PDB file of N, CA and C in Angstrom:
ATOM      1  N   MET A   1      70.139  24.246  89.576  1.00  0.00           N
ATOM      2  CA  MET A   1      71.444  24.770  89.240  1.00  0.00           C
ATOM      3  C   MET A   1      71.509  26.256  89.592  1.00  0.00           C
ATOM      4  N   ILE A   2      72.610  26.675  90.187  1.00  0.00           N
ATOM      5  CA  ILE A   2      72.803  28.068  90.560  1.00  0.00           C
ATOM      6  C   ILE A   2      73.315  28.825  89.345  1.00  0.00           C
ATOM      7  N   GLY A   3      72.754  30.005  89.106  1.00  0.00           N
ATOM      8  CA  GLY A   3      73.160  30.814  87.958  1.00  0.00           C
ATOM      9  C   GLY A   3      74.579  31.341  88.100  1.00  0.00           C
ATOM     10  N   GLU A   4      75.155  31.732  86.971  1.00  0.00           N
ATOM     11  CA  GLU A   4      76.514  32.246  86.940  1.00  0.00           C
ATOM     12  C   GLU A   4      76.603  33.673  87.471  1.00  0.00           C
ATOM     13  N   TRP A   5      75.489  34.416  87.449  1.00  0.00           N
ATOM     14  CA  TRP A   5      75.489  35.822  87.847  1.00  0.00           C
ATOM     15  C   TRP A   5      74.628  36.050  89.077  1.00  0.00           C
ATOM     16  N   LEU A   6      75.118  36.898  89.988  1.00  0.00           N
ATOM     17  CA  LEU A   6      74.382  37.291  91.190  1.00  0.00           C
ATOM     18  C   LEU A   6      73.738  38.649  90.942  1.00  0.00           C
ATOM     19  N   ASP A   7      72.442  38.730  91.089  1.00  0.00           N
ATOM     20  CA  ASP A   7      71.720  39.993  90.943  1.00  0.00           C
ATOM     21  C   ASP A   7      71.786  40.712  92.287  1.00  0.00           C
ATOM     22  N   ILE A   8      72.438  41.883  92.305  1.00  0.00           N
ATOM     23  CA  ILE A   8      72.609  42.592  93.580  1.00  0.00           C
ATOM     24  C   ILE A   8      71.737  43.831  93.701  1.00  0.00           C
ATOM     25  N   GLY A   9      70.934  44.137  92.678  1.00  0.00           N
ATOM     26  CA  GLY A   9      70.013  45.267  92.790  1.00  0.00           C
ATOM     27  C   GLY A   9      70.062  46.194  91.594  1.00  0.00           C
ATOM     28  N   TRP A  10      69.345  47.295  91.732  1.00  0.00           N
ATOM     29  CA  TRP A  10      69.238  48.289  90.668  1.00  0.00           C
ATOM     30  C   TRP A  10      70.491  49.147  90.590  1.00  0.00           C
ATOM     31  N   VAL A  11      70.909  49.479  89.378  1.00  0.00           N
ATOM     32  CA  VAL A  11      72.080  50.336  89.192  1.00  0.00           C
ATOM     33  C   VAL A  11      71.850  51.705  89.846  1.00  0.00           C
ATOM     34  N   ASP A  12      70.619  52.195  89.847  1.00  0.00           N
ATOM     35  CA  ASP A  12      70.316  53.496  90.442  1.00  0.00           C
ATOM     36  C   ASP A  12      70.476  53.511  91.965  1.00  0.00           C
ATOM     37  N   GLU A  13      70.604  52.341  92.577  1.00  0.00           N
ATOM     38  CA  GLU A  13      70.828  52.265  94.021  1.00  0.00           C
ATOM     39  C   GLU A  13      72.281  52.545  94.388  1.00  0.00           C
ATOM     40  N   ILE A  14      73.155  52.585  93.385  1.00  0.00           N
ATOM     41  CA  ILE A  14      74.562  52.908  93.615  1.00  0.00           C
ATOM     42  C   ILE A  14      74.746  54.386  93.286  1.00  0.00           C
ATOM     43  N   PRO A  15      75.187  55.190  94.241  1.00  0.00           N
ATOM     44  CA  PRO A  15      75.320  56.621  93.953  1.00  0.00           C
ATOM     45  C   PRO A  15      76.369  56.895  92.873  1.00  0.00           C
ATOM     46  N   VAL A  16      76.102  57.895  92.039  1.00  0.00           N
ATOM     47  CA  VAL A  16      77.074  58.318  91.041  1.00  0.00           C
ATOM     48  C   VAL A  16      78.326  58.801  91.780  1.00  0.00           C
ATOM     49  N   ARG A  17      79.506  58.348  91.310  1.00  0.00           N
ATOM     50  CA  ARG A  17      80.802  58.621  91.947  1.00  0.00           C
ATOM     51  C   ARG A  17      80.839  58.084  93.386  1.00  0.00           C
ATOM     52  N   GLY A  18      80.136  56.985  93.574  1.00  0.00           N
ATOM     53  CA  GLY A  18      80.084  56.370  94.894  1.00  0.00           C
ATOM     54  C   GLY A  18      80.090  54.864  94.808  1.00  0.00           C
ATOM     55  N   SER A  19      79.705  54.232  95.904  1.00  0.00           N
ATOM     56  CA  SER A  19      79.736  52.773  95.943  1.00  0.00           C
ATOM     57  C   SER A  19      78.690  52.235  96.906  1.00  0.00           C
ATOM     58  N   ARG A  20      78.551  50.948  96.866  1.00  0.00           N
ATOM     59  CA  ARG A  20      77.805  50.200  97.879  1.00  0.00           C
ATOM     60  C   ARG A  20      78.541  48.899  98.083  1.00  0.00           C
ATOM     61  N   THR A  21      78.290  48.236  99.175  1.00  0.00           N
ATOM     62  CA  THR A  21      78.976  46.976  99.432  1.00  0.00           C
ATOM     63  C   THR A  21      77.994  45.815  99.370  1.00  0.00           C
ATOM     64  N   VAL A  22      78.558  44.671  99.015  1.00  0.00           N
ATOM     65  CA  VAL A  22      77.818  43.422  99.007  1.00  0.00           C
ATOM     66  C   VAL A  22      78.511  42.519 100.006  1.00  0.00           C
ATOM     67  N   GLN A  23      77.776  42.088 101.015  1.00  0.00           N
ATOM     68  CA  GLN A  23      78.345  41.184 102.010  1.00  0.00           C
ATOM     69  C   GLN A  23      78.274  39.761 101.497  1.00  0.00           C
ATOM     70  N   VAL A  24      79.393  39.051 101.648  1.00  0.00           N
ATOM     71  CA  VAL A  24      79.469  37.664 101.216  1.00  0.00           C
ATOM     72  C   VAL A  24      79.591  36.805 102.472  1.00  0.00           C
ATOM     73  N   THR A  25      78.639  35.908 102.671  1.00  0.00           N
ATOM     74  CA  THR A  25      78.639  35.055 103.851  1.00  0.00           C
ATOM     75  C   THR A  25      79.947  34.293 103.957  1.00  0.00           C
ATOM     76  N   GLY A  26      80.603  34.406 105.103  1.00  0.00           N
ATOM     77  CA  GLY A  26      81.843  33.688 105.356  1.00  0.00           C
ATOM     78  C   GLY A  26      83.066  34.302 104.702  1.00  0.00           C
ATOM     79  N   GLY A  27      82.943  35.518 104.183  1.00  0.00           N
ATOM     80  CA  GLY A  27      84.078  36.138 103.496  1.00  0.00           C
ATOM     81  C   GLY A  27      84.057  37.648 103.609  1.00  0.00           C
ATOM     82  N   GLY A  28      84.955  38.276 102.876  1.00  0.00           N
ATOM     83  CA  GLY A  28      85.043  39.729 102.865  1.00  0.00           C
ATOM     84  C   GLY A  28      83.982  40.344 101.965  1.00  0.00           C
ATOM     85  N   ASP A  29      83.817  41.649 102.088  1.00  0.00           N
ATOM     86  CA  ASP A  29      82.831  42.363 101.286  1.00  0.00           C
ATOM     87  C   ASP A  29      83.350  42.643  99.882  1.00  0.00           C
ATOM     88  N   ILE A  30      82.415  42.879  98.980  1.00  0.00           N
ATOM     89  CA  ILE A  30      82.698  43.318  97.620  1.00  0.00           C
ATOM     90  C   ILE A  30      82.202  44.754  97.514  1.00  0.00           C
ATOM     91  N   ALA A  31      83.032  45.636  96.953  1.00  0.00           N
ATOM     92  CA  ALA A  31      82.640  47.026  96.723  1.00  0.00           C
ATOM     93  C   ALA A  31      82.223  47.179  95.267  1.00  0.00           C
ATOM     94  N   VAL A  32      81.054  47.759  95.051  1.00  0.00           N
ATOM     95  CA  VAL A  32      80.542  47.989  93.703  1.00  0.00           C
ATOM     96  C   VAL A  32      80.487  49.502  93.497  1.00  0.00           C
ATOM     97  N   PHE A  33      81.169  49.985  92.466  1.00  0.00           N
ATOM     98  CA  PHE A  33      81.339  51.408  92.216  1.00  0.00           C
ATOM     99  C   PHE A  33      80.577  51.840  90.964  1.00  0.00           C
ATOM    100  N   ARG A  34      80.151  53.108  90.972  1.00  0.00           N
ATOM    101  CA  ARG A  34      79.527  53.715  89.793  1.00  0.00           C
ATOM    102  C   ARG A  34      80.242  55.035  89.521  1.00  0.00           C
ATOM    103  N   THR A  35      80.788  55.160  88.337  1.00  0.00           N
ATOM    104  CA  THR A  35      81.556  56.349  87.991  1.00  0.00           C
ATOM    105  C   THR A  35      80.634  57.489  87.534  1.00  0.00           C
ATOM    106  N   GLY A  36      81.220  58.657  87.347  1.00  0.00           N
ATOM    107  CA  GLY A  36      80.454  59.818  86.911  1.00  0.00           C
ATOM    108  C   GLY A  36      79.803  59.636  85.562  1.00  0.00           C
ATOM    109  N   ASP A  37      80.396  58.793  84.715  1.00  0.00           N
ATOM    110  CA  ASP A  37      79.799  58.542  83.396  1.00  0.00           C
ATOM    111  C   ASP A  37      78.931  57.284  83.383  1.00  0.00           C
ATOM    112  N   GLY A  38      78.604  56.762  84.567  1.00  0.00           N
ATOM    113  CA  GLY A  38      77.646  55.670  84.681  1.00  0.00           C
ATOM    114  C   GLY A  38      78.188  54.266  84.556  1.00  0.00           C
ATOM    115  N   LYS A  39      79.498  54.097  84.414  1.00  0.00           N
ATOM    116  CA  LYS A  39      80.072  52.750  84.339  1.00  0.00           C
ATOM    117  C   LYS A  39      80.086  52.125  85.731  1.00  0.00           C
ATOM    118  N   VAL A  40      79.959  50.802  85.762  1.00  0.00           N
ATOM    119  CA  VAL A  40      79.903  50.071  87.030  1.00  0.00           C
ATOM    120  C   VAL A  40      81.065  49.088  87.097  1.00  0.00           C
ATOM    121  N   PHE A  41      81.732  49.048  88.257  1.00  0.00           N
ATOM    122  CA  PHE A  41      82.874  48.174  88.491  1.00  0.00           C
ATOM    123  C   PHE A  41      82.719  47.520  89.861  1.00  0.00           C
ATOM    124  N   ALA A  42      83.388  46.377  90.047  1.00  0.00           N
ATOM    125  CA  ALA A  42      83.359  45.700  91.339  1.00  0.00           C
ATOM    126  C   ALA A  42      84.756  45.210  91.697  1.00  0.00           C
ATOM    127  N   LEU A  43      85.132  45.443  92.953  1.00  0.00           N
ATOM    128  CA  LEU A  43      86.435  45.033  93.484  1.00  0.00           C
ATOM    129  C   LEU A  43      86.240  44.433  94.868  1.00  0.00           C
ATOM    130  N   ALA A  44      87.190  43.610  95.287  1.00  0.00           N
ATOM    131  CA  ALA A  44      87.219  43.211  96.693  1.00  0.00           C
ATOM    132  C   ALA A  44      87.352  44.504  97.496  1.00  0.00           C
ATOM    133  N   ASP A  45      86.648  44.608  98.599  1.00  0.00           N
ATOM    134  CA  ASP A  45      86.604  45.848  99.375  1.00  0.00           C
ATOM    135  C   ASP A  45      87.798  45.980 100.321  1.00  0.00           C
ATOM    136  N   ARG A  46      88.996  45.868  99.740  1.00  0.00           N
ATOM    137  CA  ARG A  46      90.199  46.029 100.562  1.00  0.00           C
ATOM    138  C   ARG A  46      91.345  46.539  99.694  1.00  0.00           C
ATOM    139  N   CYS A  47      91.990  47.567 100.195  1.00  0.00           N
ATOM    140  CA  CYS A  47      93.134  48.139  99.498  1.00  0.00           C
ATOM    141  C   CYS A  47      94.314  47.174  99.617  1.00  0.00           C
ATOM    142  N   PRO A  48      95.112  47.020  98.562  1.00  0.00           N
ATOM    143  CA  PRO A  48      96.261  46.106  98.632  1.00  0.00           C
ATOM    144  C   PRO A  48      97.376  46.613  99.546  1.00  0.00           C
ATOM    145  N   HIS A  49      97.314  47.862  99.981  1.00  0.00           N
ATOM    146  CA  HIS A  49      98.347  48.443 100.826  1.00  0.00           C
ATOM    147  C   HIS A  49      98.171  48.032 102.289  1.00  0.00           C
ATOM    148  N   LYS A  50      97.110  48.513 102.921  1.00  0.00           N
ATOM    149  CA  LYS A  50      96.881  48.240 104.343  1.00  0.00           C
ATOM    150  C   LYS A  50      95.478  47.704 104.628  1.00  0.00           C
ATOM    151  N   GLY A  51      94.769  47.290 103.573  1.00  0.00           N
ATOM    152  CA  GLY A  51      93.447  46.686 103.776  1.00  0.00           C
ATOM    153  C   GLY A  51      92.315  47.662 103.997  1.00  0.00           C
ATOM    154  N   GLY A  52      92.523  48.944 103.692  1.00  0.00           N
ATOM    155  CA  GLY A  52      91.452  49.931 103.861  1.00  0.00           C
ATOM    156  C   GLY A  52      90.238  49.589 103.018  1.00  0.00           C
ATOM    157  N   ARG A  53      89.076  49.996 103.495  1.00  0.00           N
ATOM    158  CA  ARG A  53      87.819  49.705 102.793  1.00  0.00           C
ATOM    159  C   ARG A  53      87.665  50.666 101.611  1.00  0.00           C
ATOM    160  N   LEU A  54      87.878  50.144 100.414  1.00  0.00           N
ATOM    161  CA  LEU A  54      87.793  50.971  99.212  1.00  0.00           C
ATOM    162  C   LEU A  54      86.401  51.571  99.023  1.00  0.00           C
ATOM    163  N   SER A  55      85.378  50.903  99.527  1.00  0.00           N
ATOM    164  CA  SER A  55      84.010  51.412  99.406  1.00  0.00           C
ATOM    165  C   SER A  55      83.836  52.743 100.125  1.00  0.00           C
ATOM    166  N   GLN A  56      84.732  53.080 101.024  1.00  0.00           N
ATOM    167  CA  GLN A  56      84.664  54.344 101.754  1.00  0.00           C
ATOM    168  C   GLN A  56      85.520  55.426 101.099  1.00  0.00           C
ATOM    169  N   GLY A  57      86.152  55.089  99.971  1.00  0.00           N
ATOM    170  CA  GLY A  57      87.005  56.034  99.265  1.00  0.00           C
ATOM    171  C   GLY A  57      86.220  56.923  98.313  1.00  0.00           C
ATOM    172  N   ILE A  58      86.933  57.854  97.707  1.00  0.00           N
ATOM    173  CA  ILE A  58      86.336  58.786  96.763  1.00  0.00           C
ATOM    174  C   ILE A  58      86.601  58.303  95.335  1.00  0.00           C
ATOM    175  N   VAL A  59      85.542  58.206  94.542  1.00  0.00           N
ATOM    176  CA  VAL A  59      85.651  57.789  93.144  1.00  0.00           C
ATOM    177  C   VAL A  59      85.877  59.034  92.298  1.00  0.00           C
ATOM    178  N   HIS A  60      86.932  59.002  91.496  1.00  0.00           N
ATOM    179  CA  HIS A  60      87.195  60.098  90.566  1.00  0.00           C
ATOM    180  C   HIS A  60      87.738  59.496  89.284  1.00  0.00           C
ATOM    181  N   GLY A  61      87.044  59.801  88.172  1.00  0.00           N
ATOM    182  CA  GLY A  61      87.411  59.185  86.899  1.00  0.00           C
ATOM    183  C   GLY A  61      87.240  57.679  86.988  1.00  0.00           C
ATOM    184  N   GLY A  62      88.269  56.951  86.593  1.00  0.00           N
ATOM    185  CA  GLY A  62      88.231  55.491  86.612  1.00  0.00           C
ATOM    186  C   GLY A  62      88.984  54.893  87.779  1.00  0.00           C
ATOM    187  N   ALA A  63      89.073  55.632  88.894  1.00  0.00           N
ATOM    188  CA  ALA A  63      89.821  55.148  90.056  1.00  0.00           C
ATOM    189  C   ALA A  63      89.090  55.491  91.349  1.00  0.00           C
ATOM    190  N   VAL A  64      89.500  54.808  92.417  1.00  0.00           N
ATOM    191  CA  VAL A  64      89.009  55.120  93.756  1.00  0.00           C
ATOM    192  C   VAL A  64      90.226  55.376  94.638  1.00  0.00           C
ATOM    193  N   ALA A  65      90.124  56.370  95.511  1.00  0.00           N
ATOM    194  CA  ALA A  65      91.205  56.680  96.443  1.00  0.00           C
ATOM    195  C   ALA A  65      90.926  55.981  97.765  1.00  0.00           C
ATOM    196  N   CYS A  66      91.880  55.188  98.232  1.00  0.00           N
ATOM    197  CA  CYS A  66      91.733  54.507  99.519  1.00  0.00           C
ATOM    198  C   CYS A  66      91.628  55.564 100.619  1.00  0.00           C
ATOM    199  N   PRO A  67      90.692  55.391 101.551  1.00  0.00           N
ATOM    200  CA  PRO A  67      90.523  56.391 102.605  1.00  0.00           C
ATOM    201  C   PRO A  67      91.651  56.396 103.643  1.00  0.00           C
ATOM    202  N   LEU A  68      92.481  55.360 103.689  1.00  0.00           N
ATOM    203  CA  LEU A  68      93.540  55.319 104.700  1.00  0.00           C
ATOM    204  C   LEU A  68      94.778  56.120 104.309  1.00  0.00           C
ATOM    205  N   HIS A  69      95.299  55.878 103.107  1.00  0.00           N
ATOM    206  CA  HIS A  69      96.558  56.512 102.719  1.00  0.00           C
ATOM    207  C   HIS A  69      96.521  57.104 101.315  1.00  0.00           C
ATOM    208  N   ASN A  70      95.305  57.260 100.766  1.00  0.00           N
ATOM    209  CA  ASN A  70      95.103  57.905  99.475  1.00  0.00           C
ATOM    210  C   ASN A  70      95.717  57.163  98.293  1.00  0.00           C
ATOM    211  N   TRP A  71      95.963  55.852  98.440  1.00  0.00           N
ATOM    212  CA  TRP A  71      96.381  55.079  97.266  1.00  0.00           C
ATOM    213  C   TRP A  71      95.238  55.127  96.264  1.00  0.00           C
ATOM    214  N   ARG A  72      95.568  55.317  94.989  1.00  0.00           N
ATOM    215  CA  ARG A  72      94.568  55.306  93.926  1.00  0.00           C
ATOM    216  C   ARG A  72      94.559  53.931  93.276  1.00  0.00           C
ATOM    217  N   ILE A  73      93.379  53.333  93.203  1.00  0.00           N
ATOM    218  CA  ILE A  73      93.210  51.992  92.650  1.00  0.00           C
ATOM    219  C   ILE A  73      92.343  52.091  91.392  1.00  0.00           C
ATOM    220  N   ALA A  74      92.860  51.561  90.268  1.00  0.00           N
ATOM    221  CA  ALA A  74      92.094  51.557  89.014  1.00  0.00           C
ATOM    222  C   ALA A  74      90.888  50.637  89.157  1.00  0.00           C
ATOM    223  N   LEU A  75      89.723  51.144  88.812  1.00  0.00           N
ATOM    224  CA  LEU A  75      88.505  50.350  88.949  1.00  0.00           C
ATOM    225  C   LEU A  75      88.432  49.208  87.944  1.00  0.00           C
ATOM    226  N   ASP A  76      89.042  49.371  86.785  1.00  0.00           N
ATOM    227  CA  ASP A  76      88.937  48.325  85.760  1.00  0.00           C
ATOM    228  C   ASP A  76      89.940  47.184  85.940  1.00  0.00           C
ATOM    229  N   THR A  77      91.085  47.458  86.594  1.00  0.00           N
ATOM    230  CA  THR A  77      92.116  46.418  86.753  1.00  0.00           C
ATOM    231  C   THR A  77      92.408  46.054  88.204  1.00  0.00           C
ATOM    232  N   GLY A  78      92.020  46.911  89.147  1.00  0.00           N
ATOM    233  CA  GLY A  78      92.349  46.687  90.556  1.00  0.00           C
ATOM    234  C   GLY A  78      93.773  47.062  90.905  1.00  0.00           C
ATOM    235  N   GLU A  79      94.548  47.539  89.927  1.00  0.00           N
ATOM    236  CA  GLU A  79      95.965  47.884  90.128  1.00  0.00           C
ATOM    237  C   GLU A  79      96.119  49.243  90.799  1.00  0.00           C
ATOM    238  N   ALA A  80      97.112  49.341  91.688  1.00  0.00           N
ATOM    239  CA  ALA A  80      97.475  50.629  92.266  1.00  0.00           C
ATOM    240  C   ALA A  80      98.069  51.493  91.162  1.00  0.00           C
ATOM    241  N   LEU A  81      97.754  52.785  91.177  1.00  0.00           N
ATOM    242  CA  LEU A  81      98.227  53.710  90.159  1.00  0.00           C
ATOM    243  C   LEU A  81      99.417  54.515  90.674  1.00  0.00           C
ATOM    244  N   GLY A  82     100.151  55.096  89.750  1.00  0.00           N
ATOM    245  CA  GLY A  82     101.315  55.890  90.132  1.00  0.00           C
ATOM    246  C   GLY A  82     102.456  54.981  90.537  1.00  0.00           C
ATOM    247  N   GLU A  83     103.224  55.415  91.515  1.00  0.00           N
ATOM    248  CA  GLU A  83     104.386  54.644  91.944  1.00  0.00           C
ATOM    249  C   GLU A  83     104.037  53.527  92.924  1.00  0.00           C
ATOM    250  N   ASP A  84     102.802  53.516  93.409  1.00  0.00           N
ATOM    251  CA  ASP A  84     102.386  52.468  94.343  1.00  0.00           C
ATOM    252  C   ASP A  84     102.265  51.137  93.618  1.00  0.00           C
ATOM    253  N   LYS A  85     102.519  50.055  94.322  1.00  0.00           N
ATOM    254  CA  LYS A  85     102.453  48.707  93.748  1.00  0.00           C
ATOM    255  C   LYS A  85     101.478  47.857  94.549  1.00  0.00           C
ATOM    256  N   GLY A  86     100.649  47.111  93.851  1.00  0.00           N
ATOM    257  CA  GLY A  86      99.696  46.217  94.491  1.00  0.00           C
ATOM    258  C   GLY A  86      98.448  46.102  93.645  1.00  0.00           C
ATOM    259  N   CYS A  87      97.628  45.125  93.966  1.00  0.00           N
ATOM    260  CA  CYS A  87      96.422  44.866  93.187  1.00  0.00           C
ATOM    261  C   CYS A  87      95.357  44.258  94.096  1.00  0.00           C
ATOM    262  N   THR A  88      94.130  44.644  93.885  1.00  0.00           N
ATOM    263  CA  THR A  88      93.000  44.029  94.578  1.00  0.00           C
ATOM    264  C   THR A  88      92.169  43.267  93.548  1.00  0.00           C
ATOM    265  N   PRO A  89      91.553  42.153  93.923  1.00  0.00           N
ATOM    266  CA  PRO A  89      90.786  41.362  92.955  1.00  0.00           C
ATOM    267  C   PRO A  89      89.629  42.136  92.317  1.00  0.00           C
ATOM    268  N   VAL A  90      89.463  41.927  91.012  1.00  0.00           N
ATOM    269  CA  VAL A  90      88.383  42.520  90.232  1.00  0.00           C
ATOM    270  C   VAL A  90      87.314  41.462  90.016  1.00  0.00           C
ATOM    271  N   ILE A  91      86.061  41.859  90.139  1.00  0.00           N
ATOM    272  CA  ILE A  91      84.940  40.952  89.910  1.00  0.00           C
ATOM    273  C   ILE A  91      84.226  41.395  88.634  1.00  0.00           C
ATOM    274  N   PRO A  92      84.074  40.511  87.655  1.00  0.00           N
ATOM    275  CA  PRO A  92      83.320  40.886  86.452  1.00  0.00           C
ATOM    276  C   PRO A  92      81.903  41.318  86.835  1.00  0.00           C
ATOM    277  N   VAL A  93      81.456  42.396  86.216  1.00  0.00           N
ATOM    278  CA  VAL A  93      80.133  42.963  86.503  1.00  0.00           C
ATOM    279  C   VAL A  93      79.482  43.360  85.184  1.00  0.00           C
ATOM    280  N   LYS A  94      78.165  43.234  85.134  1.00  0.00           N
ATOM    281  CA  LYS A  94      77.425  43.711  83.969  1.00  0.00           C
ATOM    282  C   LYS A  94      76.102  44.287  84.451  1.00  0.00           C
ATOM    283  N   VAL A  95      75.558  45.165  83.632  1.00  0.00           N
ATOM    284  CA  VAL A  95      74.254  45.747  83.923  1.00  0.00           C
ATOM    285  C   VAL A  95      73.303  45.267  82.838  1.00  0.00           C
ATOM    286  N   SER A  96      72.186  44.696  83.258  1.00  0.00           N
ATOM    287  CA  SER A  96      71.195  44.171  82.318  1.00  0.00           C
ATOM    288  C   SER A  96      69.804  44.592  82.792  1.00  0.00           C
ATOM    289  N   GLY A  97      69.096  45.325  81.949  1.00  0.00           N
ATOM    290  CA  GLY A  97      67.759  45.778  82.331  1.00  0.00           C
ATOM    291  C   GLY A  97      67.770  46.657  83.566  1.00  0.00           C
ATOM    292  N   GLY A  98      68.867  47.379  83.772  1.00  0.00           N
ATOM    293  CA  GLY A  98      68.975  48.247  84.946  1.00  0.00           C
ATOM    294  C   GLY A  98      69.400  47.533  86.216  1.00  0.00           C
ATOM    295  N   ARG A  99      69.621  46.219  86.129  1.00  0.00           N
ATOM    296  CA  ARG A  99      70.048  45.428  87.294  1.00  0.00           C
ATOM    297  C   ARG A  99      71.551  45.192  87.226  1.00  0.00           C
ATOM    298  N   VAL A 100      72.210  45.228  88.368  1.00  0.00           N
ATOM    299  CA  VAL A 100      73.648  44.989  88.451  1.00  0.00           C
ATOM    300  C   VAL A 100      73.873  43.516  88.771  1.00  0.00           C
ATOM    301  N   LEU A 101      74.710  42.871  87.959  1.00  0.00           N
ATOM    302  CA  LEU A 101      74.986  41.446  88.113  1.00  0.00           C
ATOM    303  C   LEU A 101      76.480  41.240  88.317  1.00  0.00           C
ATOM    304  N   LEU A 102      76.847  40.448  89.334  1.00  0.00           N
ATOM    305  CA  LEU A 102      78.237  40.106  89.609  1.00  0.00           C
ATOM    306  C   LEU A 102      78.475  38.648  89.257  1.00  0.00           C
ATOM    307  N   CYS A 103      79.654  38.354  88.726  1.00  0.00           N
ATOM    308  CA  CYS A 103      80.031  36.973  88.427  1.00  0.00           C
ATOM    309  C   CYS A 103      80.123  36.202  89.751  1.00  0.00           C
ATOM    310  N   ARG A 104      79.323  35.163  89.874  1.00  0.00           N
ATOM    311  CA  ARG A 104      79.250  34.405  91.133  1.00  0.00           C
ATOM    312  C   ARG A 104      80.608  33.794  91.515  1.00  0.00           C
ATOM    313  N   THR A 105      81.273  33.141  90.591  1.00  0.00           N
ATOM    314  CA  THR A 105      82.529  32.463  90.887  1.00  0.00           C
ATOM    315  C   THR A 105      83.602  33.456  91.352  1.00  0.00           C
ATOM    316  N   ALA A 106      83.750  34.568  90.622  1.00  0.00           N
ATOM    317  CA  ALA A 106      84.751  35.574  90.990  1.00  0.00           C
ATOM    318  C   ALA A 106      84.412  36.247  92.312  1.00  0.00           C
ATOM    319  N   THR A 107      83.131  36.445  92.579  1.00  0.00           N
ATOM    320  CA  THR A 107      82.700  37.055  93.842  1.00  0.00           C
ATOM    321  C   THR A 107      83.110  36.165  95.015  1.00  0.00           C
ATOM    322  N   MET A 108      82.839  34.881  94.906  1.00  0.00           N
ATOM    323  CA  MET A 108      83.156  33.957  95.991  1.00  0.00           C
ATOM    324  C   MET A 108      84.665  33.849  96.183  1.00  0.00           C
ATOM    325  N   LYS A 109      85.403  33.817  95.098  1.00  0.00           N
ATOM    326  CA  LYS A 109      86.874  33.711  95.175  1.00  0.00           C
ATOM    327  C   LYS A 109      87.463  34.970  95.802  1.00  0.00           C
ATOM    328  N   ALA A 110      87.011  36.150  95.385  1.00  0.00           N
ATOM    329  CA  ALA A 110      87.559  37.411  95.896  1.00  0.00           C
ATOM    330  C   ALA A 110      87.220  37.629  97.365  1.00  0.00           C
ATOM    331  N   ALA A 111      86.083  37.104  97.801  1.00  0.00           N
ATOM    332  CA  ALA A 111      85.654  37.302  99.184  1.00  0.00           C
ATOM    333  C   ALA A 111      86.276  36.286 100.143  1.00  0.00           C
ATOM    334  N   ALA A 112      86.894  35.253  99.612  1.00  0.00           N
ATOM    335  CA  ALA A 112      87.461  34.190 100.468  1.00  0.00           C
ATOM    336  C   ALA A 112      88.643  34.685 101.284  1.00  0.00           C
TER     337      ALA A 112
END
């Protein structure tokens, strides 16, 4: 039986106020972010506006700025902030024993 959580590595491998990507075979990438206060979030690696790679954006507070048009996306909800409208899929994530775990079902669905 396949486990419910995917172990993607050590939390320390994700730069503070930065991200790393997880490639999903046959699908899009997942961006995993680490905020300045050490919280970890995961989103589909595409902005809802023009598909920019959110993993290449700048993390500030609880949001990431898309590198294409500076849309700010909330890391906890995937929603565009301010007057912008749109949402990118959120993947449940947890840290256990210093390891970052992504929900397998949500990861596969978001990457499809």
